């Protein structure tokens, strides 16, 4: 005999801020108000990791602008049945779209970099290969990196996760620069011009910047011809200071500075 589920929607209310902070967050591919099933990894996490049960409140997200509040009705062996009773606009999503073009760095902590970039508010992470990168490692671990980004989005309470894209070549990313309002190129041989100088020089123009990107090179840097190619493709060469930074430090520092200036 099939189970029947009853849920009094008249008693449901939007979660207050304090309660929302306490609810666990789960990503699903799509969401509809009313009853729906959660299966796969997120069901496993609900049932076997968090050991949630009927009556518990959770928050669902699906890479749109909202948090969806739900109550668990039943935890079955193969799925979790929930009732989605309200949605509220997510306040943690970034207000600008920022893309990080980062050279493949085998010995750099890419997973840690992605987690921190997700917390800062980066929208896209695009690894790329250049003359001095280990291209044979370029296409590995993309799925694992995406899972790290998804977990980080839950932790920092975004409803839109950072998207880790497939590895491209330097020539390919240079062709994409025209799609952005501005692309910053963190270049170790840039003497004086920095992010703050750009903001001051183009103060009125920067208020309209909504799609921004930046380029971080490999451990060994770019050769002169590659650097010229990046600048000739429209990227703005900037300095990150007097000290040479490791790739992960440069990436996170520049990402934070851009979000602070433009968001």
Protein backbone atom coordinates (compact mmCIF):
# COMPACT_ATOMS: atom_id res chain seq x y z
CA UNK A 1 0.00 0.00 0.00
CA UNK A 2 1.49 3.37 -0.98
CA UNK A 3 2.20 6.00 1.62
CA UNK A 4 0.17 9.22 1.81
CA UNK A 5 1.67 12.46 3.03
CA UNK A 6 -0.19 15.35 4.58
CA UNK A 7 1.29 18.76 5.18
CA UNK A 8 -0.60 21.80 6.43
CA UNK A 9 0.71 24.67 4.29
CA UNK A 10 -1.26 27.18 6.33
CA UNK A 11 1.20 26.65 9.18
CA UNK A 12 4.29 27.23 7.06
CA UNK A 13 6.11 30.53 7.40
CA UNK A 14 9.24 32.00 5.91
CA UNK A 15 12.30 31.24 7.93
CA UNK A 16 13.69 34.12 9.96
CA UNK A 17 17.37 35.01 9.62
CA UNK A 18 18.51 33.08 12.67
CA UNK A 19 16.67 29.93 11.69
CA UNK A 20 17.87 30.18 8.08
CA UNK A 21 21.46 30.19 9.29
CA UNK A 22 20.85 26.89 11.07
CA UNK A 23 19.29 24.99 8.17
CA UNK A 24 21.42 22.73 6.00
CA UNK A 25 21.73 23.55 2.33
CA UNK A 26 21.44 21.15 -0.59
CA UNK A 27 21.90 21.59 -4.35
CA UNK A 28 19.31 20.14 -6.72
CA UNK A 29 19.03 20.36 -10.50
CA UNK A 30 15.57 21.93 -10.45
CA UNK A 31 13.01 23.06 -7.88
CA UNK A 32 9.25 23.42 -7.83
CA UNK A 33 7.05 24.70 -5.03
CA UNK A 34 5.14 21.87 -3.38
CA UNK A 35 6.23 18.27 -2.95
CA UNK A 36 9.36 17.00 -4.70
CA UNK A 37 11.90 14.20 -4.34
CA UNK A 38 15.63 14.56 -3.71
CA UNK A 39 17.78 11.64 -4.81
CA UNK A 40 21.41 10.88 -5.64
CA UNK A 41 24.28 12.30 -3.61
CA UNK A 42 22.20 14.93 -1.85
CA UNK A 43 19.72 12.29 -0.66
CA UNK A 44 22.66 10.26 0.63
CA UNK A 45 23.95 13.32 2.43
CA UNK A 46 20.54 13.98 4.00
CA UNK A 47 19.88 10.39 5.04
CA UNK A 48 23.29 8.94 5.88
CA UNK A 49 25.60 11.85 6.62
CA UNK A 50 23.41 14.48 8.27
CA UNK A 51 20.85 11.86 9.39
CA UNK A 52 17.95 14.26 8.97
CA UNK A 53 14.40 13.04 9.34
CA UNK A 54 10.76 13.99 8.81
CA UNK A 55 9.98 17.42 10.22
CA UNK A 56 13.48 18.85 9.75
CA UNK A 57 13.83 22.13 7.85
CA UNK A 58 16.31 22.42 4.97
CA UNK A 59 17.22 24.97 2.29
CA UNK A 60 17.41 23.99 -1.37
CA UNK A 61 19.29 25.87 -4.09
CA UNK A 62 19.52 25.26 -7.84
CA UNK A 63 21.83 27.91 -9.30
CA UNK A 64 19.19 30.61 -9.60
CA UNK A 65 18.72 33.76 -7.52
CA UNK A 66 16.68 32.18 -4.72
CA UNK A 67 16.88 30.07 -1.57
CA UNK A 68 14.00 27.60 -1.31
CA UNK A 69 12.80 26.65 2.16
CA UNK A 70 11.49 23.13 2.61
CA UNK A 71 10.34 20.68 5.25
CA UNK A 72 11.28 17.01 5.07
CA UNK A 73 8.20 14.79 4.87
CA UNK A 74 9.89 11.40 4.64
CA UNK A 75 13.35 9.89 4.19
CA UNK A 76 13.10 6.74 2.12
CA UNK A 77 15.89 4.38 1.08
CA UNK A 78 16.15 5.85 -2.41
CA UNK A 79 14.94 9.42 -2.01
CA UNK A 80 13.95 12.16 0.40
CA UNK A 81 10.46 13.63 0.04
CA UNK A 82 10.18 17.32 0.89
CA UNK A 83 7.59 20.05 0.70
CA UNK A 84 9.01 23.30 -0.72
CA UNK A 85 6.85 26.01 0.80
CA UNK A 86 8.61 29.33 0.15
CA UNK A 87 11.46 31.04 -1.65
CA UNK A 88 13.42 34.18 -0.82
CA UNK A 89 16.00 36.08 -2.85
CA UNK A 90 19.52 35.01 -1.94
CA UNK A 91 21.63 37.83 -0.47
CA UNK A 92 25.06 36.18 -0.82
CA UNK A 93 25.24 35.90 -4.61
CA UNK A 94 27.77 38.25 -6.26
CA UNK A 95 26.42 41.42 -7.87
CA UNK A 96 28.95 41.29 -10.70
CA UNK A 97 30.13 38.41 -12.87
CA UNK A 98 33.84 37.83 -12.30
CA UNK A 99 35.80 35.20 -14.24
CA UNK A 100 39.22 33.94 -13.21
CA UNK A 101 41.46 32.74 -16.07
CA UNK A 102 44.15 30.81 -14.21
CA UNK A 103 47.09 28.97 -15.77
CA UNK A 104 47.34 25.29 -14.88
CA UNK A 105 49.76 25.01 -11.96
CA UNK A 106 50.49 21.41 -11.07
CA UNK A 107 52.25 22.22 -7.81
CA UNK A 108 49.86 24.95 -6.70
CA UNK A 109 46.89 24.16 -4.40
CA UNK A 110 44.19 24.56 -7.07
CA UNK A 111 41.49 23.04 -4.88
CA UNK A 112 42.19 25.52 -2.08
CA UNK A 113 42.26 28.34 -4.61
CA UNK A 114 38.84 27.37 -5.95
CA UNK A 115 37.34 27.16 -2.48
CA UNK A 116 38.59 30.63 -1.56
CA UNK A 117 37.51 32.14 -4.88
CA UNK A 118 34.04 30.71 -4.34
CA UNK A 119 33.84 32.37 -0.93
CA UNK A 120 34.99 35.69 -2.40
CA UNK A 121 32.25 35.56 -5.04
CA UNK A 122 33.87 34.46 -8.30
CA UNK A 123 31.38 33.26 -10.93
CA UNK A 124 33.64 31.27 -13.28
CA UNK A 125 37.03 29.57 -12.99
CA UNK A 126 38.74 28.80 -16.32
CA UNK A 127 42.06 26.91 -16.22
CA UNK A 128 44.25 27.36 -19.27
CA UNK A 129 47.57 26.15 -20.67
CA UNK A 130 50.45 28.26 -21.93
CA UNK A 131 54.07 27.72 -22.95
CA UNK A 132 55.31 26.84 -19.47
CA UNK A 133 52.44 24.75 -18.09
CA UNK A 134 52.20 20.99 -17.73
CA UNK A 135 49.49 20.42 -20.33
CA UNK A 136 49.25 16.71 -19.64
CA UNK A 137 47.70 17.53 -16.25
CA UNK A 138 45.38 20.22 -17.58
CA UNK A 139 42.22 18.20 -18.05
CA UNK A 140 42.36 16.25 -14.81
CA UNK A 141 40.27 16.82 -11.69
CA UNK A 142 37.69 19.20 -13.22
CA UNK A 143 34.82 17.18 -11.70
CA UNK A 144 36.51 17.15 -8.30
CA UNK A 145 37.11 20.89 -8.50
CA UNK A 146 33.43 21.46 -9.29
CA UNK A 147 32.39 19.47 -6.23
CA UNK A 148 34.71 21.61 -4.12
CA UNK A 149 33.08 24.74 -5.56
CA UNK A 150 29.61 23.36 -4.83
CA UNK A 151 30.49 22.54 -1.24
CA UNK A 152 31.99 25.99 -0.79
CA UNK A 153 28.82 27.60 -2.15
CA UNK A 154 26.83 25.82 0.55
CA UNK A 155 29.24 26.98 3.24
CA UNK A 156 29.21 30.64 2.17
CA UNK A 157 25.45 30.52 1.47
CA UNK A 158 25.45 31.30 -2.22
CA UNK A 159 22.61 29.91 -4.31
CA UNK A 160 24.71 30.18 -7.48
CA UNK A 161 27.84 28.06 -7.40
CA UNK A 162 31.17 28.93 -8.96
CA UNK A 163 31.37 27.12 -12.31
CA UNK A 164 34.66 25.37 -13.14
CA UNK A 165 35.02 25.24 -16.92
CA UNK A 166 37.03 22.90 -19.10
CA UNK A 167 40.69 23.72 -19.65
CA UNK A 168 41.45 25.94 -22.65
CA UNK A 169 44.56 27.14 -24.44
CA UNK A 170 45.93 30.67 -24.08
CA UNK A 171 44.93 31.46 -27.67
CA UNK A 172 41.35 30.44 -26.88
CA UNK A 173 40.90 32.56 -23.78
CA UNK A 174 42.38 35.62 -25.52
CA UNK A 175 39.56 35.41 -28.06
CA UNK A 176 37.02 35.68 -25.23
CA UNK A 177 38.32 38.95 -23.79
CA UNK A 178 36.00 41.08 -25.95
CA UNK A 179 33.02 39.54 -24.10
CA UNK A 180 33.97 41.40 -20.90
CA UNK A 181 33.75 45.03 -19.82
CA UNK A 182 37.39 44.76 -18.73
CA UNK A 183 40.03 42.04 -18.34
CA UNK A 184 42.89 42.61 -15.90
CA UNK A 185 46.24 40.95 -16.55
CA UNK A 186 48.37 40.48 -13.43
CA UNK A 187 51.82 40.92 -14.97
CA UNK A 188 55.01 40.70 -12.93
CA UNK A 189 56.82 43.08 -15.32
CA UNK A 190 54.24 45.85 -14.99
CA UNK A 191 56.01 48.66 -13.14
CA UNK A 192 53.45 51.08 -11.74
CA UNK A 193 49.92 50.81 -13.08
CA UNK A 194 47.67 49.02 -10.56
CA UNK A 195 43.98 48.28 -10.07
CA UNK A 196 43.44 51.44 -8.06
CA UNK A 197 44.97 53.52 -10.88
CA UNK A 198 42.51 51.99 -13.35
CA UNK A 199 39.56 52.75 -11.09
CA UNK A 200 40.67 56.38 -10.69
CA UNK A 201 41.41 56.86 -14.40
CA UNK A 202 38.08 55.42 -15.55
CA UNK A 203 35.93 56.32 -12.56
CA UNK A 204 32.73 57.01 -14.52
CA UNK A 205 33.22 54.03 -16.82
CA UNK A 206 33.85 51.52 -14.04
CA UNK A 207 30.40 52.11 -12.56
CA UNK A 208 28.97 50.26 -15.56
CA UNK A 209 31.31 47.26 -15.33
CA UNK A 210 29.25 44.12 -14.70
CA UNK A 211 31.30 41.43 -16.50
CA UNK A 212 34.94 41.42 -15.44
CA UNK A 213 37.77 38.91 -15.81
CA UNK A 214 41.39 38.59 -14.75
CA UNK A 215 44.37 36.52 -15.90
CA UNK A 216 46.84 34.77 -13.59
CA UNK A 217 49.87 33.08 -15.14
CA UNK A 218 51.80 29.89 -14.39
CA UNK A 219 54.55 29.51 -11.78
CA UNK A 220 57.20 30.20 -14.42
CA UNK A 221 55.31 33.21 -15.75
CA UNK A 222 54.64 34.16 -19.36
CA UNK A 223 57.26 34.68 -22.01
CA UNK A 224 57.36 38.12 -23.66
CA UNK A 225 55.38 37.09 -26.73
CA UNK A 226 52.59 35.58 -24.63
CA UNK A 227 52.39 38.71 -22.49
CA UNK A 228 52.12 40.86 -25.60
CA UNK A 229 49.42 38.58 -26.99
CA UNK A 230 47.36 38.98 -23.82
CA UNK A 231 47.70 42.78 -23.86
CA UNK A 232 47.03 43.02 -27.60
CA UNK A 233 43.85 41.02 -27.06
CA UNK A 234 42.51 43.84 -24.88
CA UNK A 235 43.62 42.94 -21.34
CA UNK A 236 44.77 45.76 -19.04
CA UNK A 237 48.20 45.02 -17.59
CA UNK A 238 48.38 45.78 -13.86
CA UNK A 239 50.89 45.38 -11.05
CA UNK A 240 50.11 43.56 -7.81
CA UNK A 241 52.89 45.33 -5.92
CA UNK A 242 56.63 45.23 -5.48
CA UNK A 243 56.77 41.59 -4.38
CA UNK A 244 56.38 38.59 -6.68
CA UNK A 245 53.40 36.56 -5.48
CA UNK A 246 52.77 32.86 -5.88
CA UNK A 247 49.95 32.05 -8.27
CA UNK A 248 47.41 31.17 -5.59
CA UNK A 249 48.22 34.27 -3.53
CA UNK A 250 48.00 36.51 -6.59
CA UNK A 251 44.73 34.93 -7.68
CA UNK A 252 42.93 35.29 -4.36
CA UNK A 253 44.34 38.78 -3.67
CA UNK A 254 43.30 40.16 -7.05
CA UNK A 255 39.87 38.53 -6.88
CA UNK A 256 39.19 40.12 -3.49
CA UNK A 257 40.43 43.53 -4.67
CA UNK A 258 38.21 43.46 -7.77
CA UNK A 259 35.12 42.43 -5.82
CA UNK A 260 35.81 45.14 -3.24
CA UNK A 261 36.17 47.82 -5.94
CA UNK A 262 33.37 46.83 -8.29
CA UNK A 263 30.72 44.96 -6.29
